[in-house]
Amino acid sequence: SRLPPEYNQVQPEILYNGILDQLIQ
């Protein structure tokens, strides 16, 4: 919810994987 508007174009599954990887790291 705090990402810039351009991330609204990213597919949900790809966004989910990217954020989850960041949180784990």
PDB file of all heavy atoms in Angstrom:
ATOM      1  N   SER A   1       0.815  -1.222   0.000  1.00  0.00           N
ATOM      2  CA  SER A   1       0.000   0.000   0.000  1.00  0.00           C
ATOM      3  C   SER A   1       0.840   1.260   0.000  1.00  0.00           C
ATOM      4  O   SER A   1       0.334   2.353  -0.283  1.00  0.00           O
ATOM      5  CB  SER A   1      -0.935   0.008   1.215  1.00  0.00           C
ATOM      6  OG  SER A   1      -0.201   0.155   2.421  1.00  0.00           O
ATOM      7  N   ARG A   2       2.136   1.123   0.309  1.00  0.00           N
ATOM      8  CA  ARG A   2       3.012   2.283   0.373  1.00  0.00           C
ATOM      9  C   ARG A   2       3.945   2.391  -0.833  1.00  0.00           C
ATOM     10  O   ARG A   2       4.820   3.253  -0.865  1.00  0.00           O
ATOM     11  CB  ARG A   2       3.831   2.249   1.665  1.00  0.00           C
ATOM     12  CG  ARG A   2       3.001   2.570   2.896  1.00  0.00           C
ATOM     13  CD  ARG A   2       3.774   2.365   4.194  1.00  0.00           C
ATOM     14  NE  ARG A   2       3.056   2.930   5.309  1.00  0.00           N
ATOM     15  CZ  ARG A   2       1.987   2.376   5.887  1.00  0.00           C
ATOM     16  NH1 ARG A   2       1.528   1.217   5.436  1.00  0.00           N
ATOM     17  NH2 ARG A   2       1.382   2.965   6.898  1.00  0.00           N
ATOM     18  N   LEU A   3       3.760   1.511  -1.803  1.00  0.00           N
ATOM     19  CA  LEU A   3       4.586   1.570  -2.999  1.00  0.00           C
ATOM     20  C   LEU A   3       4.090   2.671  -3.929  1.00  0.00           C
ATOM     21  O   LEU A   3       2.919   3.029  -3.906  1.00  0.00           O
ATOM     22  CB  LEU A   3       4.551   0.224  -3.728  1.00  0.00           C
ATOM     23  CG  LEU A   3       5.233  -0.947  -3.012  1.00  0.00           C
ATOM     24  CD1 LEU A   3       5.031  -2.232  -3.805  1.00  0.00           C
ATOM     25  CD2 LEU A   3       6.726  -0.680  -2.814  1.00  0.00           C
ATOM     26  N   PRO A   4       4.969   3.205  -4.785  1.00  0.00           N
ATOM     27  CA  PRO A   4       4.555   4.233  -5.752  1.00  0.00           C
ATOM     28  C   PRO A   4       3.493   3.698  -6.708  1.00  0.00           C
ATOM     29  O   PRO A   4       3.383   2.481  -6.907  1.00  0.00           O
ATOM     30  CB  PRO A   4       5.866   4.545  -6.510  1.00  0.00           C
ATOM     31  CG  PRO A   4       6.953   4.136  -5.576  1.00  0.00           C
ATOM     32  CD  PRO A   4       6.420   2.952  -4.815  1.00  0.00           C
ATOM     33  N   PRO A   5       2.703   4.594  -7.321  1.00  0.00           N
ATOM     34  CA  PRO A   5       1.587   4.179  -8.183  1.00  0.00           C
ATOM     35  C   PRO A   5       1.984   3.260  -9.328  1.00  0.00           C
ATOM     36  O   PRO A   5       1.182   2.432  -9.766  1.00  0.00           O
ATOM     37  CB  PRO A   5       1.055   5.516  -8.723  1.00  0.00           C
ATOM     38  CG  PRO A   5       1.449   6.521  -7.698  1.00  0.00           C
ATOM     39  CD  PRO A   5       2.757   6.048  -7.150  1.00  0.00           C
ATOM     40  N   GLU A   6       3.232   3.366  -9.836  1.00  0.00           N
ATOM     41  CA  GLU A   6       3.610   2.537 -10.985  1.00  0.00           C
ATOM     42  C   GLU A   6       3.588   1.047 -10.664  1.00  0.00           C
ATOM     43  O   GLU A   6       3.482   0.211 -11.566  1.00  0.00           O
ATOM     44  CB  GLU A   6       4.990   2.932 -11.519  1.00  0.00           C
ATOM     45  CG  GLU A   6       6.110   2.897 -10.501  1.00  0.00           C
ATOM     46  CD  GLU A   6       6.379   4.260  -9.886  1.00  0.00           C
ATOM     47  OE1 GLU A   6       5.425   5.061  -9.798  1.00  0.00           O
ATOM     48  OE2 GLU A   6       7.531   4.512  -9.514  1.00  0.00           O
ATOM     49  N   TYR A   7       3.642   0.713  -9.376  1.00  0.00           N
ATOM     50  CA  TYR A   7       3.611  -0.702  -9.004  1.00  0.00           C
ATOM     51  C   TYR A   7       2.199  -1.289  -9.128  1.00  0.00           C
ATOM     52  O   TYR A   7       2.024  -2.496  -9.022  1.00  0.00           O
ATOM     53  CB  TYR A   7       4.138  -0.894  -7.578  1.00  0.00           C
ATOM     54  CG  TYR A   7       5.644  -0.835  -7.511  1.00  0.00           C
ATOM     55  CD1 TYR A   7       6.304   0.389  -7.411  1.00  0.00           C
ATOM     56  CD2 TYR A   7       6.415  -1.985  -7.584  1.00  0.00           C
ATOM     57  CE1 TYR A   7       7.682   0.454  -7.373  1.00  0.00           C
ATOM     58  CE2 TYR A   7       7.795  -1.927  -7.545  1.00  0.00           C
ATOM     59  CZ  TYR A   7       8.422  -0.697  -7.441  1.00  0.00           C
ATOM     60  OH  TYR A   7       9.798  -0.640  -7.416  1.00  0.00           O
ATOM     61  N   ASN A   8       1.203  -0.424  -9.359  1.00  0.00           N
ATOM     62  CA  ASN A   8      -0.155  -0.932  -9.578  1.00  0.00           C
ATOM     63  C   ASN A   8      -0.251  -1.739 -10.864  1.00  0.00           C
ATOM     64  O   ASN A   8      -1.200  -2.503 -11.058  1.00  0.00           O
ATOM     65  CB  ASN A   8      -1.146   0.237  -9.640  1.00  0.00           C
ATOM     66  CG  ASN A   8      -1.288   0.952  -8.309  1.00  0.00           C
ATOM     67  OD1 ASN A   8      -1.034   0.364  -7.258  1.00  0.00           O
ATOM     68  ND2 ASN A   8      -1.675   2.211  -8.344  1.00  0.00           N
ATOM     69  N   GLN A   9       0.730  -1.561 -11.766  1.00  0.00           N
ATOM     70  CA  GLN A   9       0.709  -2.276 -13.035  1.00  0.00           C
ATOM     71  C   GLN A   9       1.322  -3.668 -12.925  1.00  0.00           C
ATOM     72  O   GLN A   9       1.206  -4.461 -13.859  1.00  0.00           O
ATOM     73  CB  GLN A   9       1.481  -1.466 -14.092  1.00  0.00           C
ATOM     74  CG  GLN A   9       1.048  -0.024 -14.223  1.00  0.00           C
ATOM     75  CD  GLN A   9      -0.423   0.107 -14.568  1.00  0.00           C
ATOM     76  OE1 GLN A   9      -0.949  -0.645 -15.395  1.00  0.00           O
ATOM     77  NE2 GLN A   9      -1.102   1.055 -13.933  1.00  0.00           N
ATOM     78  N   VAL A  10       1.971  -3.948 -11.790  1.00  0.00           N
ATOM     79  CA  VAL A  10       2.623  -5.244 -11.619  1.00  0.00           C
ATOM     80  C   VAL A  10       1.585  -6.315 -11.297  1.00  0.00           C
ATOM     81  O   VAL A  10       0.675  -6.090 -10.488  1.00  0.00           O
ATOM     82  CB  VAL A  10       3.685  -5.177 -10.489  1.00  0.00           C
ATOM     83  CG1 VAL A  10       4.344  -6.540 -10.289  1.00  0.00           C
ATOM     84  CG2 VAL A  10       4.728  -4.122 -10.818  1.00  0.00           C
ATOM     85  N   GLN A  11       1.726  -7.468 -11.914  1.00  0.00           N
ATOM     86  CA  GLN A  11       0.792  -8.565 -11.654  1.00  0.00           C
ATOM     87  C   GLN A  11       0.845  -8.964 -10.181  1.00  0.00           C
ATOM     88  O   GLN A  11       1.931  -9.034  -9.595  1.00  0.00           O
ATOM     89  CB  GLN A  11       1.126  -9.766 -12.536  1.00  0.00           C
ATOM     90  CG  GLN A  11       0.935  -9.508 -14.018  1.00  0.00           C
ATOM     91  CD  GLN A  11       1.254 -10.730 -14.867  1.00  0.00           C
ATOM     92  OE1 GLN A  11       1.554 -11.798 -14.337  1.00  0.00           O
ATOM     93  NE2 GLN A  11       1.200 -10.562 -16.173  1.00  0.00           N
ATOM     94  N   PRO A  12      -0.321  -9.245  -9.568  1.00  0.00           N
ATOM     95  CA  PRO A  12      -0.366  -9.548  -8.126  1.00  0.00           C
ATOM     96  C   PRO A  12       0.591 -10.647  -7.692  1.00  0.00           C
ATOM     97  O   PRO A  12       1.242 -10.531  -6.652  1.00  0.00           O
ATOM     98  CB  PRO A  12      -1.827  -9.952  -7.907  1.00  0.00           C
ATOM     99  CG  PRO A  12      -2.579  -9.225  -8.969  1.00  0.00           C
ATOM    100  CD  PRO A  12      -1.676  -9.212 -10.168  1.00  0.00           C
ATOM    101  N   GLU A  13       0.693 -11.728  -8.470  1.00  0.00           N
ATOM    102  CA  GLU A  13       1.567 -12.831  -8.054  1.00  0.00           C
ATOM    103  C   GLU A  13       3.027 -12.405  -8.039  1.00  0.00           C
ATOM    104  O   GLU A  13       3.786 -12.749  -7.130  1.00  0.00           O
ATOM    105  CB  GLU A  13       1.390 -14.023  -8.994  1.00  0.00           C
ATOM    106  CG  GLU A  13       2.228 -15.233  -8.575  1.00  0.00           C
ATOM    107  CD  GLU A  13       2.004 -16.451  -9.459  1.00  0.00           C
ATOM    108  OE1 GLU A  13       1.181 -16.376 -10.384  1.00  0.00           O
ATOM    109  OE2 GLU A  13       2.671 -17.474  -9.221  1.00  0.00           O
ATOM    110  N   ILE A  14       3.423 -11.612  -9.053  1.00  0.00           N
ATOM    111  CA  ILE A  14       4.807 -11.144  -9.115  1.00  0.00           C
ATOM    112  C   ILE A  14       5.088 -10.168  -7.976  1.00  0.00           C
ATOM    113  O   ILE A  14       6.132 -10.225  -7.328  1.00  0.00           O
ATOM    114  CB  ILE A  14       5.071 -10.476 -10.480  1.00  0.00           C
ATOM    115  CG1 ILE A  14       4.944 -11.517 -11.598  1.00  0.00           C
ATOM    116  CG2 ILE A  14       6.453  -9.836 -10.514  1.00  0.00           C
ATOM    117  CD1 ILE A  14       5.043 -10.933 -12.988  1.00  0.00           C
ATOM    118  N   LEU A  15       4.133  -9.263  -7.708  1.00  0.00           N
ATOM    119  CA  LEU A  15       4.294  -8.313  -6.608  1.00  0.00           C
ATOM    120  C   LEU A  15       4.377  -9.048  -5.278  1.00  0.00           C
ATOM    121  O   LEU A  15       5.225  -8.735  -4.426  1.00  0.00           O
ATOM    122  CB  LEU A  15       3.118  -7.332  -6.602  1.00  0.00           C
ATOM    123  CG  LEU A  15       3.193  -6.183  -5.592  1.00  0.00           C
ATOM    124  CD1 LEU A  15       4.375  -5.280  -5.900  1.00  0.00           C
ATOM    125  CD2 LEU A  15       1.898  -5.377  -5.609  1.00  0.00           C
ATOM    126  N   TYR A  16       3.522 -10.043  -5.106  1.00  0.00           N
ATOM    127  CA  TYR A  16       3.508 -10.836  -3.874  1.00  0.00           C
ATOM    128  C   TYR A  16       4.866 -11.497  -3.647  1.00  0.00           C
ATOM    129  O   TYR A  16       5.447 -11.413  -2.561  1.00  0.00           O
ATOM    130  CB  TYR A  16       2.409 -11.890  -3.963  1.00  0.00           C
ATOM    131  CG  TYR A  16       2.442 -12.923  -2.853  1.00  0.00           C
ATOM    132  CD1 TYR A  16       1.860 -12.654  -1.622  1.00  0.00           C
ATOM    133  CD2 TYR A  16       3.060 -14.156  -3.037  1.00  0.00           C
ATOM    134  CE1 TYR A  16       1.891 -13.590  -0.606  1.00  0.00           C
ATOM    135  CE2 TYR A  16       3.098 -15.099  -2.023  1.00  0.00           C
ATOM    136  CZ  TYR A  16       2.517 -14.812  -0.807  1.00  0.00           C
ATOM    137  OH  TYR A  16       2.553 -15.740   0.196  1.00  0.00           O
ATOM    138  N   ASN A  17       5.386 -12.150  -4.683  1.00  0.00           N
ATOM    139  CA  ASN A  17       6.670 -12.832  -4.538  1.00  0.00           C
ATOM    140  C   ASN A  17       7.793 -11.869  -4.215  1.00  0.00           C
ATOM    141  O   ASN A  17       8.657 -12.134  -3.367  1.00  0.00           O
ATOM    142  CB  ASN A  17       7.008 -13.592  -5.832  1.00  0.00           C
ATOM    143  CG  ASN A  17       6.154 -14.835  -6.011  1.00  0.00           C
ATOM    144  OD1 ASN A  17       5.763 -15.462  -5.046  1.00  0.00           O
ATOM    145  ND2 ASN A  17       5.857 -15.171  -7.258  1.00  0.00           N
ATOM    146  N   GLY A  18       7.792 -10.700  -4.897  1.00  0.00           N
ATOM    147  CA  GLY A  18       8.849  -9.727  -4.667  1.00  0.00           C
ATOM    148  C   GLY A  18       8.828  -9.175  -3.254  1.00  0.00           C
ATOM    149  O   GLY A  18       9.875  -9.057  -2.608  1.00  0.00           O
ATOM    150  N   ILE A  19       7.637  -8.831  -2.764  1.00  0.00           N
ATOM    151  CA  ILE A  19       7.534  -8.279  -1.413  1.00  0.00           C
ATOM    152  C   ILE A  19       7.861  -9.339  -0.371  1.00  0.00           C
ATOM    153  O   ILE A  19       8.567  -9.061   0.619  1.00  0.00           O
ATOM    154  CB  ILE A  19       6.125  -7.699  -1.178  1.00  0.00           C
ATOM    155  CG1 ILE A  19       5.912  -6.469  -2.068  1.00  0.00           C
ATOM    156  CG2 ILE A  19       5.926  -7.330   0.285  1.00  0.00           C
ATOM    157  CD1 ILE A  19       4.527  -5.870  -1.978  1.00  0.00           C
ATOM    158  N   LEU A  20       7.366 -10.556  -0.554  1.00  0.00           N
ATOM    159  CA  LEU A  20       7.647 -11.612   0.414  1.00  0.00           C
ATOM    160  C   LEU A  20       9.142 -11.898   0.489  1.00  0.00           C
ATOM    161  O   LEU A  20       9.699 -12.069   1.582  1.00  0.00           O
ATOM    162  CB  LEU A  20       6.880 -12.885   0.042  1.00  0.00           C
ATOM    163  CG  LEU A  20       7.056 -14.075   1.011  1.00  0.00           C
ATOM    164  CD1 LEU A  20       6.672 -13.667   2.432  1.00  0.00           C
ATOM    165  CD2 LEU A  20       6.232 -15.259   0.538  1.00  0.00           C
ATOM    166  N   ASP A  21       9.812 -11.939  -0.652  1.00  0.00           N
ATOM    167  CA  ASP A  21      11.264 -12.133  -0.649  1.00  0.00           C
ATOM    168  C   ASP A  21      11.954 -11.022   0.127  1.00  0.00           C
ATOM    169  O   ASP A  21      12.886 -11.267   0.910  1.00  0.00           O
ATOM    170  CB  ASP A  21      11.796 -12.156  -2.082  1.00  0.00           C
ATOM    171  CG  ASP A  21      11.477 -13.460  -2.796  1.00  0.00           C
ATOM    172  OD1 ASP A  21      11.115 -14.430  -2.113  1.00  0.00           O
ATOM    173  OD2 ASP A  21      11.582 -13.500  -4.040  1.00  0.00           O
ATOM    174  N   GLN A  22      11.489  -9.780  -0.063  1.00  0.00           N
ATOM    175  CA  GLN A  22      12.110  -8.668   0.660  1.00  0.00           C
ATOM    176  C   GLN A  22      11.903  -8.814   2.165  1.00  0.00           C
ATOM    177  O   GLN A  22      12.843  -8.612   2.948  1.00  0.00           O
ATOM    178  CB  GLN A  22      11.536  -7.328   0.202  1.00  0.00           C
ATOM    179  CG  GLN A  22      12.011  -6.177   1.101  1.00  0.00           C
ATOM    180  CD  GLN A  22      11.638  -4.820   0.588  1.00  0.00           C
ATOM    181  OE1 GLN A  22      11.681  -4.572  -0.604  1.00  0.00           O
ATOM    182  NE2 GLN A  22      11.288  -3.922   1.492  1.00  0.00           N
ATOM    183  N   LEU A  23      10.692  -9.140   2.573  1.00  0.00           N
ATOM    184  CA  LEU A  23      10.411  -9.265   4.008  1.00  0.00           C
ATOM    185  C   LEU A  23      11.228 -10.382   4.640  1.00  0.00           C
ATOM    186  O   LEU A  23      11.720 -10.246   5.777  1.00  0.00           O
ATOM    187  CB  LEU A  23       8.916  -9.503   4.223  1.00  0.00           C
ATOM    188  CG  LEU A  23       8.000  -8.314   3.873  1.00  0.00           C
ATOM    189  CD1 LEU A  23       6.539  -8.718   3.989  1.00  0.00           C
ATOM    190  CD2 LEU A  23       8.301  -7.121   4.765  1.00  0.00           C
ATOM    191  N   ILE A  24      11.369 -11.481   3.933  1.00  0.00           N
ATOM    192  CA  ILE A  24      12.184 -12.595   4.456  1.00  0.00           C
ATOM    193  C   ILE A  24      13.633 -12.147   4.597  1.00  0.00           C
ATOM    194  O   ILE A  24      14.277 -12.380   5.641  1.00  0.00           O
ATOM    195  CB  ILE A  24      12.071 -13.823   3.537  1.00  0.00           C
ATOM    196  CG1 ILE A  24      10.682 -14.439   3.648  1.00  0.00           C
ATOM    197  CG2 ILE A  24      13.144 -14.859   3.886  1.00  0.00           C
ATOM    198  CD1 ILE A  24      10.406 -15.545   2.648  1.00  0.00           C
ATOM    199  N   GLN A  25      14.164 -11.504   3.580  1.00  0.00           N
ATOM    200  CA  GLN A  25      15.558 -11.065   3.631  1.00  0.00           C
ATOM    201  C   GLN A  25      15.764 -10.002   4.699  1.00  0.00           C
ATOM    202  O   GLN A  25      16.786  -9.986   5.390  1.00  0.00           O
ATOM    203  CB  GLN A  25      15.980 -10.556   2.256  1.00  0.00           C
ATOM    204  CG  GLN A  25      16.048 -11.660   1.202  1.00  0.00           C
ATOM    205  CD  GLN A  25      16.313 -11.136  -0.188  1.00  0.00           C
ATOM    206  OE1 GLN A  25      16.757  -9.998  -0.364  1.00  0.00           O
ATOM    207  NE2 GLN A  25      16.036 -11.953  -1.204  1.00  0.00           N
TER     208      GLN A  25
END
